[in-house]
């Protein structure tokens, strides 16, 4: 508002009229800003719902991956145990062969 419009309104309406105009102007601005805030809040709510869904999907994928890794670890542990048993048997057999060779050879 420029000053000439303000002075004209003051002259025609008086102080109470100008205050009423300012009050109406403030109310309309508040209503407009409230509408903008409501739109922003709606957008935030939609974005949050999408983020929650994405988080849930990622969590599900990670749990499946961890379960799969756990299963593969179990398989690997069984393979390692089998290899240790085989190595132990080979070591025992080698010890027997060394013992037999040492008894056979004189030195």
PDB file of N, CA and C in Angstrom:
ATOM      1  N   UNK A   1       0.847  -1.172   0.000  1.00  0.00           N
ATOM      2  CA  UNK A   1       0.000   0.000   0.000  1.00  0.00           C
ATOM      3  C   UNK A   1       0.895   1.238   0.000  1.00  0.00           C
ATOM      4  N   UNK A   2       0.546   2.186  -0.840  1.00  0.00           N
ATOM      5  CA  UNK A   2       1.329   3.432  -0.806  1.00  0.00           C
ATOM      6  C   UNK A   2       0.667   4.420   0.165  1.00  0.00           C
ATOM      7  N   UNK A   3       1.371   5.476   0.478  1.00  0.00           N
ATOM      8  CA  UNK A   3       0.911   6.406   1.517  1.00  0.00           C
ATOM      9  C   UNK A   3      -0.321   7.196   1.108  1.00  0.00           C
ATOM     10  N   UNK A   4      -0.465   7.524  -0.172  1.00  0.00           N
ATOM     11  CA  UNK A   4      -1.644   8.308  -0.594  1.00  0.00           C
ATOM     12  C   UNK A   4      -2.918   7.495  -0.419  1.00  0.00           C
ATOM     13  N   UNK A   5      -2.876   6.200  -0.748  1.00  0.00           N
ATOM     14  CA  UNK A   5      -4.044   5.343  -0.555  1.00  0.00           C
ATOM     15  C   UNK A   5      -4.364   5.226   0.925  1.00  0.00           C
ATOM     16  N   UNK A   6      -3.345   5.131   1.727  1.00  0.00           N
ATOM     17  CA  UNK A   6      -3.528   5.025   3.164  1.00  0.00           C
ATOM     18  C   UNK A   6      -4.149   6.300   3.742  1.00  0.00           C
ATOM     19  N   UNK A   7      -3.688   7.459   3.281  1.00  0.00           N
ATOM     20  CA  UNK A   7      -4.254   8.728   3.756  1.00  0.00           C
ATOM     21  C   UNK A   7      -5.702   8.905   3.313  1.00  0.00           C
ATOM     22  N   UNK A   8      -6.010   8.509   2.085  1.00  0.00           N
ATOM     23  CA  UNK A   8      -7.394   8.599   1.599  1.00  0.00           C
ATOM     24  C   UNK A   8      -8.308   7.708   2.432  1.00  0.00           C
ATOM     25  N   UNK A   9      -7.840   6.461   2.711  1.00  0.00           N
ATOM     26  CA  UNK A   9      -8.651   5.557   3.520  1.00  0.00           C
ATOM     27  C   UNK A   9      -8.847   6.122   4.910  1.00  0.00           C
ATOM     28  N   UNK A  10      -7.813   6.741   5.472  1.00  0.00           N
ATOM     29  CA  UNK A  10      -7.911   7.342   6.807  1.00  0.00           C
ATOM     30  C   UNK A  10      -8.926   8.475   6.814  1.00  0.00           C
ATOM     31  N   UNK A  11      -8.905   9.264   5.771  1.00  0.00           N
ATOM     32  CA  UNK A  11      -9.826  10.395   5.691  1.00  0.00           C
ATOM     33  C   UNK A  11     -11.261   9.947   5.550  1.00  0.00           C
ATOM     34  N   UNK A  12     -11.502   8.902   4.772  1.00  0.00           N
ATOM     35  CA  UNK A  12     -12.877   8.473   4.538  1.00  0.00           C
ATOM     36  C   UNK A  12     -13.416   7.580   5.651  1.00  0.00           C
ATOM     37  N   UNK A  13     -12.574   6.695   6.151  1.00  0.00           N
ATOM     38  CA  UNK A  13     -13.060   5.694   7.095  1.00  0.00           C
ATOM     39  C   UNK A  13     -12.754   6.024   8.548  1.00  0.00           C
ATOM     40  N   UNK A  14     -11.758   6.766   8.771  1.00  0.00           N
ATOM     41  CA  UNK A  14     -11.364   7.053  10.147  1.00  0.00           C
ATOM     42  C   UNK A  14     -10.450   5.960  10.679  1.00  0.00           C
ATOM     43  N   UNK A  15     -10.076   6.126  11.904  1.00  0.00           N
ATOM     44  CA  UNK A  15      -9.131   5.200  12.528  1.00  0.00           C
ATOM     45  C   UNK A  15      -9.705   3.804  12.649  1.00  0.00           C
ATOM     46  N   UNK A  16     -10.929   3.704  13.089  1.00  0.00           N
ATOM     47  CA  UNK A  16     -11.544   2.385  13.281  1.00  0.00           C
ATOM     48  C   UNK A  16     -11.705   1.673  11.941  1.00  0.00           C
ATOM     49  N   UNK A  17     -12.060   2.377  10.902  1.00  0.00           N
ATOM     50  CA  UNK A  17     -12.203   1.782   9.573  1.00  0.00           C
ATOM     51  C   UNK A  17     -10.868   1.266   9.052  1.00  0.00           C
ATOM     52  N   UNK A  18      -9.807   2.066   9.250  1.00  0.00           N
ATOM     53  CA  UNK A  18      -8.477   1.628   8.802  1.00  0.00           C
ATOM     54  C   UNK A  18      -8.020   0.401   9.575  1.00  0.00           C
ATOM     55  N   UNK A  19      -8.285   0.411  10.876  1.00  0.00           N
ATOM     56  CA  UNK A  19      -7.914  -0.758  11.690  1.00  0.00           C
ATOM     57  C   UNK A  19      -8.684  -1.984  11.208  1.00  0.00           C
ATOM     58  N   UNK A  20      -9.967  -1.807  10.874  1.00  0.00           N
ATOM     59  CA  UNK A  20     -10.771  -2.921  10.364  1.00  0.00           C
ATOM     60  C   UNK A  20     -10.210  -3.417   9.034  1.00  0.00           C
ATOM     61  N   UNK A  21      -9.760  -2.498   8.153  1.00  0.00           N
ATOM     62  CA  UNK A  21      -9.157  -2.894   6.883  1.00  0.00           C
ATOM     63  C   UNK A  21      -7.867  -3.687   7.115  1.00  0.00           C
ATOM     64  N   UNK A  22      -7.041  -3.167   8.016  1.00  0.00           N
ATOM     65  CA  UNK A  22      -5.796  -3.878   8.320  1.00  0.00           C
ATOM     66  C   UNK A  22      -6.076  -5.258   8.905  1.00  0.00           C
ATOM     67  N   UNK A  23      -7.079  -5.351   9.760  1.00  0.00           N
ATOM     68  CA  UNK A  23      -7.444  -6.635  10.341  1.00  0.00           C
ATOM     69  C   UNK A  23      -7.915  -7.606   9.247  1.00  0.00           C
ATOM     70  N   UNK A  24      -8.745  -7.111   8.332  1.00  0.00           N
ATOM     71  CA  UNK A  24      -9.190  -7.952   7.221  1.00  0.00           C
ATOM     72  C   UNK A  24      -8.023  -8.381   6.348  1.00  0.00           C
ATOM     73  N   UNK A  25      -7.100  -7.433   6.096  1.00  0.00           N
ATOM     74  CA  UNK A  25      -5.919  -7.748   5.292  1.00  0.00           C
ATOM     75  C   UNK A  25      -5.071  -8.818   5.978  1.00  0.00           C
ATOM     76  N   UNK A  26      -4.893  -8.698   7.291  1.00  0.00           N
ATOM     77  CA  UNK A  26      -4.120  -9.682   8.038  1.00  0.00           C
ATOM     78  C   UNK A  26      -4.787 -11.057   8.011  1.00  0.00           C
ATOM     79  N   UNK A  27      -6.108 -11.072   8.144  1.00  0.00           N
ATOM     80  CA  UNK A  27      -6.826 -12.351   8.141  1.00  0.00           C
ATOM     81  C   UNK A  27      -6.692 -13.035   6.790  1.00  0.00           C
ATOM     82  N   UNK A  28      -6.840 -12.264   5.694  1.00  0.00           N
ATOM     83  CA  UNK A  28      -6.701 -12.889   4.368  1.00  0.00           C
ATOM     84  C   UNK A  28      -5.282 -13.412   4.157  1.00  0.00           C
ATOM     85  N   UNK A  29      -4.280 -12.668   4.620  1.00  0.00           N
ATOM     86  CA  UNK A  29      -2.898 -13.159   4.504  1.00  0.00           C
ATOM     87  C   UNK A  29      -2.674 -14.422   5.331  1.00  0.00           C
ATOM     88  N   UNK A  30      -3.254 -14.474   6.522  1.00  0.00           N
ATOM     89  CA  UNK A  30      -3.130 -15.667   7.359  1.00  0.00           C
ATOM     90  C   UNK A  30      -3.787 -16.876   6.692  1.00  0.00           C
ATOM     91  N   UNK A  31      -4.948 -16.636   6.087  1.00  0.00           N
ATOM     92  CA  UNK A  31      -5.642 -17.735   5.401  1.00  0.00           C
ATOM     93  C   UNK A  31      -4.803 -18.256   4.244  1.00  0.00           C
ATOM     94  N   UNK A  32      -4.216 -17.342   3.463  1.00  0.00           N
ATOM     95  CA  UNK A  32      -3.368 -17.751   2.335  1.00  0.00           C
ATOM     96  C   UNK A  32      -2.146 -18.528   2.814  1.00  0.00           C
ATOM     97  N   UNK A  33      -1.500 -18.014   3.852  1.00  0.00           N
ATOM     98  CA  UNK A  33      -0.300 -18.706   4.344  1.00  0.00           C
ATOM     99  C   UNK A  33      -0.663 -20.058   4.955  1.00  0.00           C
ATOM    100  N   UNK A  34      -1.827 -20.149   5.585  1.00  0.00           N
ATOM    101  CA  UNK A  34      -2.279 -21.423   6.141  1.00  0.00           C
ATOM    102  C   UNK A  34      -2.512 -22.441   5.022  1.00  0.00           C
ATOM    103  N   UNK A  35      -3.073 -21.997   3.905  1.00  0.00           N
ATOM    104  CA  UNK A  35      -3.292 -22.893   2.765  1.00  0.00           C
ATOM    105  C   UNK A  35      -1.957 -23.417   2.229  1.00  0.00           C
ATOM    106  N   UNK A  36      -0.979 -22.519   2.125  1.00  0.00           N
ATOM    107  CA  UNK A  36       0.350 -22.930   1.649  1.00  0.00           C
ATOM    108  C   UNK A  36       0.971 -23.921   2.627  1.00  0.00           C
ATOM    109  N   UNK A  37       0.838 -23.661   3.929  1.00  0.00           N
ATOM    110  CA  UNK A  37       1.381 -24.581   4.926  1.00  0.00           C
ATOM    111  C   UNK A  37       0.692 -25.935   4.865  1.00  0.00           C
ATOM    112  N   UNK A  38      -0.618 -25.950   4.639  1.00  0.00           N
ATOM    113  CA  UNK A  38      -1.340 -27.221   4.524  1.00  0.00           C
ATOM    114  C   UNK A  38      -0.850 -28.022   3.329  1.00  0.00           C
ATOM    115  N   UNK A  39      -0.609 -27.340   2.204  1.00  0.00           N
ATOM    116  CA  UNK A  39      -0.070 -28.029   1.028  1.00  0.00           C
ATOM    117  C   UNK A  39       1.300 -28.611   1.329  1.00  0.00           C
ATOM    118  N   UNK A  40       2.130 -27.840   2.024  1.00  0.00           N
ATOM    119  CA  UNK A  40       3.471 -28.315   2.382  1.00  0.00           C
ATOM    120  C   UNK A  40       3.392 -29.515   3.312  1.00  0.00           C
ATOM    121  N   UNK A  41       2.487 -29.454   4.294  1.00  0.00           N
ATOM    122  CA  UNK A  41       2.340 -30.568   5.219  1.00  0.00           C
ATOM    123  C   UNK A  41       1.839 -31.827   4.508  1.00  0.00           C
ATOM    124  N   UNK A  42       0.916 -31.653   3.561  1.00  0.00           N
ATOM    125  CA  UNK A  42       0.434 -32.801   2.788  1.00  0.00           C
ATOM    126  C   UNK A  42       1.573 -33.425   1.990  1.00  0.00           C
ATOM    127  N   UNK A  43       2.401 -32.579   1.384  1.00  0.00           N
ATOM    128  CA  UNK A  43       3.533 -33.085   0.613  1.00  0.00           C
ATOM    129  C   UNK A  43       4.515 -33.816   1.514  1.00  0.00           C
ATOM    130  N   UNK A  44       4.766 -33.252   2.694  1.00  0.00           N
ATOM    131  CA  UNK A  44       5.667 -33.895   3.648  1.00  0.00           C
ATOM    132  C   UNK A  44       5.111 -35.249   4.078  1.00  0.00           C
ATOM    133  N   UNK A  45       3.811 -35.329   4.312  1.00  0.00           N
ATOM    134  CA  UNK A  45       3.189 -36.595   4.720  1.00  0.00           C
ATOM    135  C   UNK A  45       3.345 -37.650   3.632  1.00  0.00           C
ATOM    136  N   UNK A  46       3.149 -37.245   2.377  1.00  0.00           N
ATOM    137  CA  UNK A  46       3.299 -38.187   1.263  1.00  0.00           C
ATOM    138  C   UNK A  46       4.752 -38.648   1.157  1.00  0.00           C
ATOM    139  N   UNK A  47       5.684 -37.709   1.266  1.00  0.00           N
ATOM    140  CA  UNK A  47       7.103 -38.055   1.197  1.00  0.00           C
ATOM    141  C   UNK A  47       7.504 -38.977   2.343  1.00  0.00           C
ATOM    142  N   UNK A  48       6.965 -38.721   3.522  1.00  0.00           N
ATOM    143  CA  UNK A  48       7.282 -39.562   4.669  1.00  0.00           C
ATOM    144  C   UNK A  48       6.744 -40.979   4.461  1.00  0.00           C
ATOM    145  N   UNK A  49       5.551 -41.107   3.909  1.00  0.00           N
ATOM    146  CA  UNK A  49       4.982 -42.432   3.643  1.00  0.00           C
ATOM    147  C   UNK A  49       5.868 -43.193   2.655  1.00  0.00           C
ATOM    148  N   UNK A  50       6.340 -42.488   1.620  1.00  0.00           N
ATOM    149  CA  UNK A  50       7.233 -43.129   0.651  1.00  0.00           C
ATOM    150  C   UNK A  50       8.534 -43.557   1.316  1.00  0.00           C
ATOM    151  N   UNK A  51       9.078 -42.705   2.172  1.00  0.00           N
ATOM    152  CA  UNK A  51      10.330 -43.028   2.860  1.00  0.00           C
ATOM    153  C   UNK A  51      10.146 -44.234   3.787  1.00  0.00           C
ATOM    154  N   UNK A  52       9.017 -44.300   4.473  1.00  0.00           N
ATOM    155  CA  UNK A  52       8.747 -45.437   5.349  1.00  0.00           C
ATOM    156  C   UNK A  52       8.630 -46.725   4.551  1.00  0.00           C
ATOM    157  N   UNK A  53       7.987 -46.655   3.399  1.00  0.00           N
ATOM    158  CA  UNK A  53       7.854 -47.841   2.548  1.00  0.00           C
ATOM    159  C   UNK A  53       9.225 -48.284   2.045  1.00  0.00           C
ATOM    160  N   UNK A  54      10.034 -47.324   1.617  1.00  0.00           N
ATOM    161  CA  UNK A  54      11.377 -47.651   1.139  1.00  0.00           C
ATOM    162  C   UNK A  54      12.212 -48.261   2.249  1.00  0.00           C
ATOM    163  N   UNK A  55      12.123 -47.682   3.446  1.00  0.00           N
ATOM    164  CA  UNK A  55      12.862 -48.213   4.587  1.00  0.00           C
ATOM    165  C   UNK A  55      12.430 -49.635   4.902  1.00  0.00           C
ATOM    166  N   UNK A  56      11.148 -49.879   4.843  1.00  0.00           N
ATOM    167  CA  UNK A  56      10.630 -51.217   5.104  1.00  0.00           C
ATOM    168  C   UNK A  56      11.148 -52.207   4.068  1.00  0.00           C
ATOM    169  N   UNK A  57      11.162 -51.791   2.796  1.00  0.00           N
ATOM    170  CA  UNK A  57      11.668 -52.669   1.738  1.00  0.00           C
ATOM    171  C   UNK A  57      13.152 -52.963   1.918  1.00  0.00           C
ATOM    172  N   UNK A  58      13.926 -51.945   2.247  1.00  0.00           N
ATOM    173  CA  UNK A  58      15.362 -52.135   2.462  1.00  0.00           C
ATOM    174  C   UNK A  58      15.603 -53.062   3.649  1.00  0.00           C
ATOM    175  N   UNK A  59      14.838 -52.876   4.704  1.00  0.00           N
ATOM    176  CA  UNK A  59      14.969 -53.732   5.878  1.00  0.00           C
ATOM    177  C   UNK A  59      14.687 -55.185   5.519  1.00  0.00           C
ATOM    178  N   UNK A  60      13.647 -55.404   4.744  1.00  0.00           N
ATOM    179  CA  UNK A  60      13.290 -56.761   4.324  1.00  0.00           C
ATOM    180  C   UNK A  60      14.404 -57.379   3.486  1.00  0.00           C
ATOM    181  N   UNK A  61      14.949 -56.603   2.560  1.00  0.00           N
ATOM    182  CA  UNK A  61      16.027 -57.104   1.704  1.00  0.00           C
ATOM    183  C   UNK A  61      17.252 -57.445   2.540  1.00  0.00           C
ATOM    184  N   UNK A  62      17.600 -56.576   3.492  1.00  0.00           N
ATOM    185  CA  UNK A  62      18.769 -56.830   4.335  1.00  0.00           C
ATOM    186  C   UNK A  62      18.588 -58.076   5.193  1.00  0.00           C
ATOM    187  N   UNK A  63      17.389 -58.268   5.732  1.00  0.00           N
ATOM    188  CA  UNK A  63      17.141 -59.467   6.531  1.00  0.00           C
ATOM    189  C   UNK A  63      17.279 -60.731   5.686  1.00  0.00           C
ATOM    190  N   UNK A  64      16.763 -60.692   4.464  1.00  0.00           N
ATOM    191  CA  UNK A  64      16.899 -61.847   3.572  1.00  0.00           C
ATOM    192  C   UNK A  64      18.363 -62.099   3.245  1.00  0.00           C
ATOM    193  N   UNK A  65      19.115 -61.026   3.009  1.00  0.00           N
ATOM    194  CA  UNK A  65      20.538 -61.161   2.704  1.00  0.00           C
ATOM    195  C   UNK A  65      21.294 -61.756   3.891  1.00  0.00           C
ATOM    196  N   UNK A  66      20.987 -61.277   5.089  1.00  0.00           N
ATOM    197  CA  UNK A  66      21.645 -61.821   6.280  1.00  0.00           C
ATOM    198  C   UNK A  66      21.310 -63.293   6.489  1.00  0.00           C
ATOM    199  N   UNK A  67      20.072 -63.675   6.246  1.00  0.00           N
ATOM    200  CA  UNK A  67      19.691 -65.079   6.376  1.00  0.00           C
ATOM    201  C   UNK A  67      20.442 -65.930   5.357  1.00  0.00           C
ATOM    202  N   UNK A  68      20.579 -65.407   4.156  1.00  0.00           N
ATOM    203  CA  UNK A  68      21.288 -66.140   3.109  1.00  0.00           C
ATOM    204  C   UNK A  68      22.766 -66.280   3.474  1.00  0.00           C
ATOM    205  N   UNK A  69      23.372 -65.198   3.970  1.00  0.00           N
ATOM    206  CA  UNK A  69      24.772 -65.268   4.383  1.00  0.00           C
ATOM    207  C   UNK A  69      24.955 -66.244   5.538  1.00  0.00           C
ATOM    208  N   UNK A  70      24.000 -66.269   6.445  1.00  0.00           N
ATOM    209  CA  UNK A  70      24.082 -67.192   7.568  1.00  0.00           C
ATOM    210  C   UNK A  70      24.044 -68.632   7.086  1.00  0.00           C
ATOM    211  N   UNK A  71      23.176 -68.919   6.125  1.00  0.00           N
ATOM    212  CA  UNK A  71      23.105 -70.272   5.563  1.00  0.00           C
ATOM    213  C   UNK A  71      24.409 -70.635   4.867  1.00  0.00           C
ATOM    214  N   UNK A  72      24.958 -69.688   4.096  1.00  0.00           N
ATOM    215  CA  UNK A  72      26.211 -69.987   3.390  1.00  0.00           C
ATOM    216  C   UNK A  72      27.355 -70.155   4.386  1.00  0.00           C
ATOM    217  N   UNK A  73      27.314 -69.412   5.516  1.00  0.00           N
ATOM    218  CA  UNK A  73      28.329 -69.599   6.557  1.00  0.00           C
ATOM    219  C   UNK A  73      28.225 -70.991   7.155  1.00  0.00           C
ATOM    220  N   UNK A  74      27.021 -71.469   7.368  1.00  0.00           N
ATOM    221  CA  UNK A  74      26.837 -72.818   7.904  1.00  0.00           C
ATOM    222  C   UNK A  74      27.408 -73.860   6.942  1.00  0.00           C
ATOM    223  N   UNK A  75      27.137 -73.691   5.655  1.00  0.00           N
ATOM    224  CA  UNK A  75      27.674 -74.620   4.655  1.00  0.00           C
ATOM    225  C   UNK A  75      29.196 -74.579   4.653  1.00  0.00           C
ATOM    226  N   UNK A  76      29.753 -73.380   4.728  1.00  0.00           N
ATOM    227  CA  UNK A  76      31.208 -73.222   4.733  1.00  0.00           C
ATOM    228  C   UNK A  76      31.807 -73.854   5.984  1.00  0.00           C
ATOM    229  N   UNK A  77      31.155 -73.697   7.123  1.00  0.00           N
ATOM    230  CA  UNK A  77      31.642 -74.317   8.355  1.00  0.00           C
ATOM    231  C   UNK A  77      31.656 -75.838   8.241  1.00  0.00           C
ATOM    232  N   UNK A  78      30.621 -76.405   7.640  1.00  0.00           N
ATOM    233  CA  UNK A  78      30.579 -77.856   7.452  1.00  0.00           C
ATOM    234  C   UNK A  78      31.691 -78.317   6.519  1.00  0.00           C
ATOM    235  N   UNK A  79      31.940 -77.549   5.456  1.00  0.00           N
ATOM    236  CA  UNK A  79      33.018 -77.908   4.532  1.00  0.00           C
ATOM    237  C   UNK A  79      34.372 -77.840   5.224  1.00  0.00           C
ATOM    238  N   UNK A  80      34.574 -76.814   6.033  1.00  0.00           N
ATOM    239  CA  UNK A  80      35.842 -76.674   6.745  1.00  0.00           C
ATOM    240  C   UNK A  80      36.025 -77.819   7.735  1.00  0.00           C
ATOM    241  N   UNK A  81      34.961 -78.200   8.444  1.00  0.00           N
ATOM    242  CA  UNK A  81      35.049 -79.335   9.367  1.00  0.00           C
ATOM    243  C   UNK A  81      35.416 -80.612   8.632  1.00  0.00           C
ATOM    244  N   UNK A  82      34.813 -80.830   7.486  1.00  0.00           N
ATOM    245  CA  UNK A  82      35.124 -82.006   6.677  1.00  0.00           C
ATOM    246  C   UNK A  82      36.588 -81.978   6.231  1.00  0.00           C
ATOM    247  N   UNK A  83      37.063 -80.814   5.797  1.00  0.00           N
ATOM    248  CA  UNK A  83      38.461 -80.698   5.378  1.00  0.00           C
ATOM    249  C   UNK A  83      39.416 -80.949   6.554  1.00  0.00           C
ATOM    250  N   UNK A  84      39.070 -80.455   7.731  1.00  0.00           N
ATOM    251  CA  UNK A  84      39.913 -80.700   8.911  1.00  0.00           C
ATOM    252  C   UNK A  84      39.980 -82.193   9.251  1.00  0.00           C
ATOM    253  N   UNK A  85      38.829 -82.856   9.164  1.00  0.00           N
ATOM    254  CA  UNK A  85      38.813 -84.297   9.427  1.00  0.00           C
ATOM    255  C   UNK A  85      39.677 -85.034   8.405  1.00  0.00           C
ATOM    256  N   UNK A  86      39.528 -84.673   7.142  1.00  0.00           N
ATOM    257  CA  UNK A  86      40.337 -85.306   6.091  1.00  0.00           C
ATOM    258  C   UNK A  86      41.819 -85.035   6.321  1.00  0.00           C
ATOM    259  N   UNK A  87      42.159 -83.807   6.664  1.00  0.00           N
ATOM    260  CA  UNK A  87      43.554 -83.449   6.923  1.00  0.00           C
ATOM    261  C   UNK A  87      44.101 -84.213   8.125  1.00  0.00           C
ATOM    262  N   UNK A  88      43.274 -84.386   9.141  1.00  0.00           N
ATOM    263  CA  UNK A  88      43.687 -85.148  10.320  1.00  0.00           C
ATOM    264  C   UNK A  88      43.965 -86.599   9.945  1.00  0.00           C
ATOM    265  N   UNK A  89      43.097 -87.183   9.121  1.00  0.00           N
ATOM    266  CA  UNK A  89      43.304 -88.568   8.669  1.00  0.00           C
ATOM    267  C   UNK A  89      44.590 -88.684   7.854  1.00  0.00           C
ATOM    268  N   UNK A  90      44.793 -87.705   6.959  1.00  0.00           N
ATOM    269  CA  UNK A  90      46.014 -87.720   6.130  1.00  0.00           C
ATOM    270  C   UNK A  90      47.247 -87.578   7.013  1.00  0.00           C
ATOM    271  N   UNK A  91      47.166 -86.715   8.028  1.00  0.00           N
ATOM    272  CA  UNK A  91      48.292 -86.542   8.950  1.00  0.00           C
ATOM    273  C   UNK A  91      48.579 -87.845   9.699  1.00  0.00           C
ATOM    274  N   UNK A  92      47.547 -88.516  10.147  1.00  0.00           N
ATOM    275  CA  UNK A  92      47.724 -89.803  10.838  1.00  0.00           C
ATOM    276  C   UNK A  92      48.356 -90.831   9.902  1.00  0.00           C
ATOM    277  N   UNK A  93      47.841 -90.888   8.666  1.00  0.00           N
ATOM    278  CA  UNK A  93      48.406 -91.828   7.683  1.00  0.00           C
ATOM    279  C   UNK A  93      49.868 -91.506   7.408  1.00  0.00           C
ATOM    280  N   UNK A  94      50.198 -90.236   7.280  1.00  0.00           N
ATOM    281  CA  UNK A  94      51.572 -89.813   7.017  1.00  0.00           C
ATOM    282  C   UNK A  94      52.477 -90.180   8.196  1.00  0.00           C
ATOM    283  N   UNK A  95      51.965 -90.017   9.401  1.00  0.00           N
ATOM    284  CA  UNK A  95      52.742 -90.402  10.587  1.00  0.00           C
ATOM    285  C   UNK A  95      53.034 -91.902  10.588  1.00  0.00           C
ATOM    286  N   UNK A  96      52.021 -92.693  10.195  1.00  0.00           N
ATOM    287  CA  UNK A  96      52.222 -94.141  10.120  1.00  0.00           C
ATOM    288  C   UNK A  96      53.280 -94.483   9.076  1.00  0.00           C
ATOM    289  N   UNK A  97      53.213 -93.805   7.905  1.00  0.00           N
ATOM    290  CA  UNK A  97      54.190 -94.062   6.846  1.00  0.00           C
ATOM    291  C   UNK A  97      55.588 -93.669   7.321  1.00  0.00           C
ATOM    292  N   UNK A  98      55.711 -92.527   7.981  1.00  0.00           N
ATOM    293  CA  UNK A  98      57.019 -92.094   8.498  1.00  0.00           C
ATOM    294  C   UNK A  98      57.556 -93.107   9.508  1.00  0.00           C
ATOM    295  N   UNK A  99      56.655 -93.561  10.378  1.00  0.00           N
ATOM    296  CA  UNK A  99      57.078 -94.563  11.365  1.00  0.00           C
ATOM    297  C   UNK A  99      57.532 -95.846  10.702  1.00  0.00           C
ATOM    298  N   UNK A 100      56.796 -96.278   9.684  1.00  0.00           N
ATOM    299  CA  UNK A 100      57.174 -97.500   8.970  1.00  0.00           C
ATOM    300  C   UNK A 100      58.508 -97.319   8.267  1.00  0.00           C
ATOM    301  N   UNK A 101      58.710 -96.144   7.630  1.00  0.00           N
ATOM    302  CA  UNK A 101      59.946 -95.874   6.908  1.00  0.00           C
ATOM    303  C   UNK A 101      61.123 -95.813   7.891  1.00  0.00           C
ATOM    304  N   UNK A 102      60.922 -95.195   9.048  1.00  0.00           N
ATOM    305  CA  UNK A 102      62.012 -95.096  10.023  1.00  0.00           C
ATOM    306  C   UNK A 102      62.392 -96.460  10.582  1.00  0.00           C
ATOM    307  N   UNK A 103      61.454 -97.378  10.690  1.00  0.00           N
ATOM    308  CA  UNK A 103      61.767 -98.729  11.155  1.00  0.00           C
ATOM    309  C   UNK A 103      62.496 -99.531  10.096  1.00  0.00           C
ATOM    310  N   UNK A 104      62.134 -99.246   8.816  1.00  0.00           N
ATOM    311  CA  UNK A 104      62.734 -99.993   7.730  1.00  0.00           C
ATOM    312  C   UNK A 104      64.167 -99.495   7.451  1.00  0.00           C
ATOM    313  N   UNK A 105      64.332 -98.195   7.333  1.00  0.00           N
ATOM    314  CA  UNK A 105      65.643 -97.647   7.002  1.00  0.00           C
ATOM    315  C   UNK A 105      66.469 -97.493   8.281  1.00  0.00           C
ATOM    316  N   UNK A 106      67.744 -97.809   8.174  1.00  0.00           N
ATOM    317  CA  UNK A 106      68.578 -97.779   9.358  1.00  0.00           C
ATOM    318  C   UNK A 106      69.001 -96.382   9.756  1.00  0.00           C
ATOM    319  N   UNK A 107      68.842 -95.370   9.030  1.00  0.00           N
ATOM    320  CA  UNK A 107      69.408 -94.133   9.450  1.00  0.00           C
ATOM    321  C   UNK A 107      68.644 -93.000   9.013  1.00  0.00           C
TER     322      UNK A 107
END
